[in-house]
Amino acid sequence: MQGKCYIDEESGMLCVTLEKKIELPKNKKVLVPQICTECGTTEWITIDTTEKNPD
């Protein structure tokens, strides 16, 4: 499952909410946590949302 990261305002800690689908900003490289809901293992992946111009 993908996660969406945010900073908790009270504790200042990095937190993650599990999302079925997240909206990604366009023309950015976004670091997204992939979290196993069975064991809690987290793998960070980079998703490139930049549009590629065909030459």
N, C-alpha and C. Protein backbone atom coordinates (compact mmCIF):
# COMPACT_ATOMS: atom_id res chain seq x y z
N MET A 1 0.84 -1.17 0.00
CA MET A 1 0.00 0.00 0.00
C MET A 1 0.89 1.24 0.00
N GLN A 2 0.45 2.29 -0.66
CA GLN A 2 1.22 3.53 -0.67
C GLN A 2 0.88 4.35 0.56
N GLY A 3 1.85 5.15 0.97
CA GLY A 3 1.63 6.03 2.11
C GLY A 3 1.76 7.48 1.69
N LYS A 4 1.17 8.34 2.49
CA LYS A 4 1.29 9.79 2.29
C LYS A 4 1.91 10.34 3.57
N CYS A 5 3.07 10.99 3.43
CA CYS A 5 3.81 11.49 4.59
C CYS A 5 3.38 12.90 4.96
N TYR A 6 3.47 13.18 6.25
CA TYR A 6 3.21 14.52 6.75
C TYR A 6 3.95 14.69 8.07
N ILE A 7 4.17 15.92 8.48
CA ILE A 7 4.79 16.21 9.76
C ILE A 7 3.68 16.51 10.77
N ASP A 8 3.65 15.76 11.86
CA ASP A 8 2.67 16.00 12.92
C ASP A 8 3.02 17.30 13.62
N GLU A 9 2.08 18.23 13.68
CA GLU A 9 2.35 19.56 14.22
C GLU A 9 2.64 19.53 15.72
N GLU A 10 2.00 18.63 16.47
CA GLU A 10 2.22 18.58 17.92
C GLU A 10 3.57 17.98 18.28
N SER A 11 3.92 16.85 17.66
CA SER A 11 5.15 16.14 18.04
C SER A 11 6.35 16.49 17.16
N GLY A 12 6.07 17.01 15.94
CA GLY A 12 7.15 17.29 14.99
C GLY A 12 7.67 16.04 14.31
N MET A 13 6.99 14.91 14.50
CA MET A 13 7.44 13.64 13.93
C MET A 13 6.93 13.45 12.51
N LEU A 14 7.72 12.72 11.70
CA LEU A 14 7.29 12.34 10.36
C LEU A 14 6.30 11.19 10.51
N CYS A 15 5.12 11.34 9.96
CA CYS A 15 4.07 10.32 10.05
C CYS A 15 3.62 9.92 8.65
N VAL A 16 2.96 8.77 8.56
CA VAL A 16 2.46 8.27 7.29
C VAL A 16 1.03 7.78 7.46
N THR A 17 0.16 8.16 6.53
CA THR A 17 -1.18 7.58 6.48
C THR A 17 -1.21 6.64 5.28
N LEU A 18 -1.87 5.52 5.43
CA LEU A 18 -1.99 4.56 4.33
C LEU A 18 -3.12 4.99 3.42
N GLU A 19 -2.84 5.00 2.13
CA GLU A 19 -3.82 5.46 1.14
C GLU A 19 -3.92 4.41 0.03
N LYS A 20 -5.13 4.20 -0.48
CA LYS A 20 -5.29 3.30 -1.63
C LYS A 20 -4.74 3.95 -2.89
N LYS A 21 -4.96 5.24 -3.03
CA LYS A 21 -4.45 5.98 -4.18
C LYS A 21 -4.14 7.38 -3.70
N ILE A 22 -2.97 7.88 -4.10
CA ILE A 22 -2.60 9.23 -3.70
C ILE A 22 -2.46 10.11 -4.94
N GLU A 23 -2.81 11.36 -4.78
CA GLU A 23 -2.65 12.33 -5.86
C GLU A 23 -1.21 12.83 -5.83
N LEU A 24 -0.52 12.72 -6.95
CA LEU A 24 0.87 13.16 -7.03
C LEU A 24 0.95 14.48 -7.79
N PRO A 25 1.83 15.38 -7.34
CA PRO A 25 2.00 16.63 -8.07
C PRO A 25 2.62 16.38 -9.44
N LYS A 26 2.28 17.18 -10.43
CA LYS A 26 2.82 17.01 -11.77
C LYS A 26 4.20 17.65 -11.87
N ASN A 27 5.00 17.10 -12.76
CA ASN A 27 6.34 17.60 -13.07
C ASN A 27 7.26 17.65 -11.85
N LYS A 28 7.19 16.61 -11.03
CA LYS A 28 8.03 16.50 -9.84
C LYS A 28 8.51 15.06 -9.72
N LYS A 29 9.58 14.88 -8.96
CA LYS A 29 9.99 13.55 -8.52
C LYS A 29 9.55 13.45 -7.07
N VAL A 30 8.72 12.44 -6.77
CA VAL A 30 8.09 12.33 -5.47
C VAL A 30 8.60 11.07 -4.77
N LEU A 31 9.02 11.22 -3.51
CA LEU A 31 9.45 10.09 -2.70
C LEU A 31 8.23 9.55 -1.98
N VAL A 32 7.90 8.27 -2.23
CA VAL A 32 6.67 7.68 -1.70
C VAL A 32 7.02 6.39 -0.94
N PRO A 33 6.51 6.24 0.30
CA PRO A 33 6.73 5.00 1.02
C PRO A 33 5.75 3.92 0.55
N GLN A 34 6.27 2.72 0.30
CA GLN A 34 5.44 1.55 0.00
C GLN A 34 5.49 0.70 1.27
N ILE A 35 4.34 0.48 1.91
CA ILE A 35 4.30 -0.17 3.22
C ILE A 35 3.54 -1.48 3.13
N CYS A 36 4.17 -2.56 3.63
CA CYS A 36 3.51 -3.86 3.70
C CYS A 36 2.59 -3.85 4.91
N THR A 37 1.29 -4.05 4.68
CA THR A 37 0.33 -4.02 5.79
C THR A 37 0.37 -5.31 6.61
N GLU A 38 1.09 -6.33 6.14
CA GLU A 38 1.23 -7.58 6.88
C GLU A 38 2.35 -7.49 7.92
N CYS A 39 3.53 -6.98 7.48
CA CYS A 39 4.70 -7.01 8.37
C CYS A 39 5.24 -5.63 8.73
N GLY A 40 4.77 -4.58 8.06
CA GLY A 40 5.22 -3.23 8.36
C GLY A 40 6.49 -2.80 7.65
N THR A 41 7.03 -3.66 6.80
CA THR A 41 8.23 -3.30 6.05
C THR A 41 7.93 -2.11 5.14
N THR A 42 8.85 -1.15 5.13
CA THR A 42 8.67 0.05 4.32
C THR A 42 9.78 0.14 3.28
N GLU A 43 9.41 0.36 2.04
CA GLU A 43 10.37 0.58 0.95
C GLU A 43 10.04 1.93 0.34
N TRP A 44 11.06 2.80 0.25
CA TRP A 44 10.86 4.12 -0.32
C TRP A 44 11.17 4.07 -1.81
N ILE A 45 10.24 4.55 -2.63
CA ILE A 45 10.45 4.59 -4.08
C ILE A 45 10.27 6.03 -4.57
N THR A 46 10.93 6.33 -5.67
CA THR A 46 10.77 7.64 -6.30
C THR A 46 9.90 7.48 -7.52
N ILE A 47 8.85 8.31 -7.60
CA ILE A 47 7.95 8.30 -8.75
C ILE A 47 8.18 9.61 -9.50
N ASP A 48 8.52 9.49 -10.78
CA ASP A 48 8.78 10.67 -11.61
C ASP A 48 7.51 11.01 -12.36
N THR A 49 6.96 12.19 -12.10
CA THR A 49 5.71 12.59 -12.78
C THR A 49 5.95 13.63 -13.85
N THR A 50 7.22 13.82 -14.25
CA THR A 50 7.50 14.79 -15.30
C THR A 50 7.03 14.22 -16.65
N GLU A 51 6.49 15.10 -17.45
CA GLU A 51 6.04 14.69 -18.77
C GLU A 51 7.25 14.63 -19.68
N LYS A 52 7.35 13.54 -20.39
CA LYS A 52 8.46 13.38 -21.31
C LYS A 52 8.03 13.85 -22.70
N ASN A 53 8.81 14.75 -23.28
CA ASN A 53 8.51 15.26 -24.62
C ASN A 53 9.16 14.37 -25.67
N PRO A 54 8.35 13.76 -26.54
CA PRO A 54 8.93 12.95 -27.61
C PRO A 54 9.64 13.86 -28.62
N ASP A 55 10.84 13.45 -29.02
CA ASP A 55 11.61 14.24 -30.02
C ASP A 55 11.37 13.74 -31.41
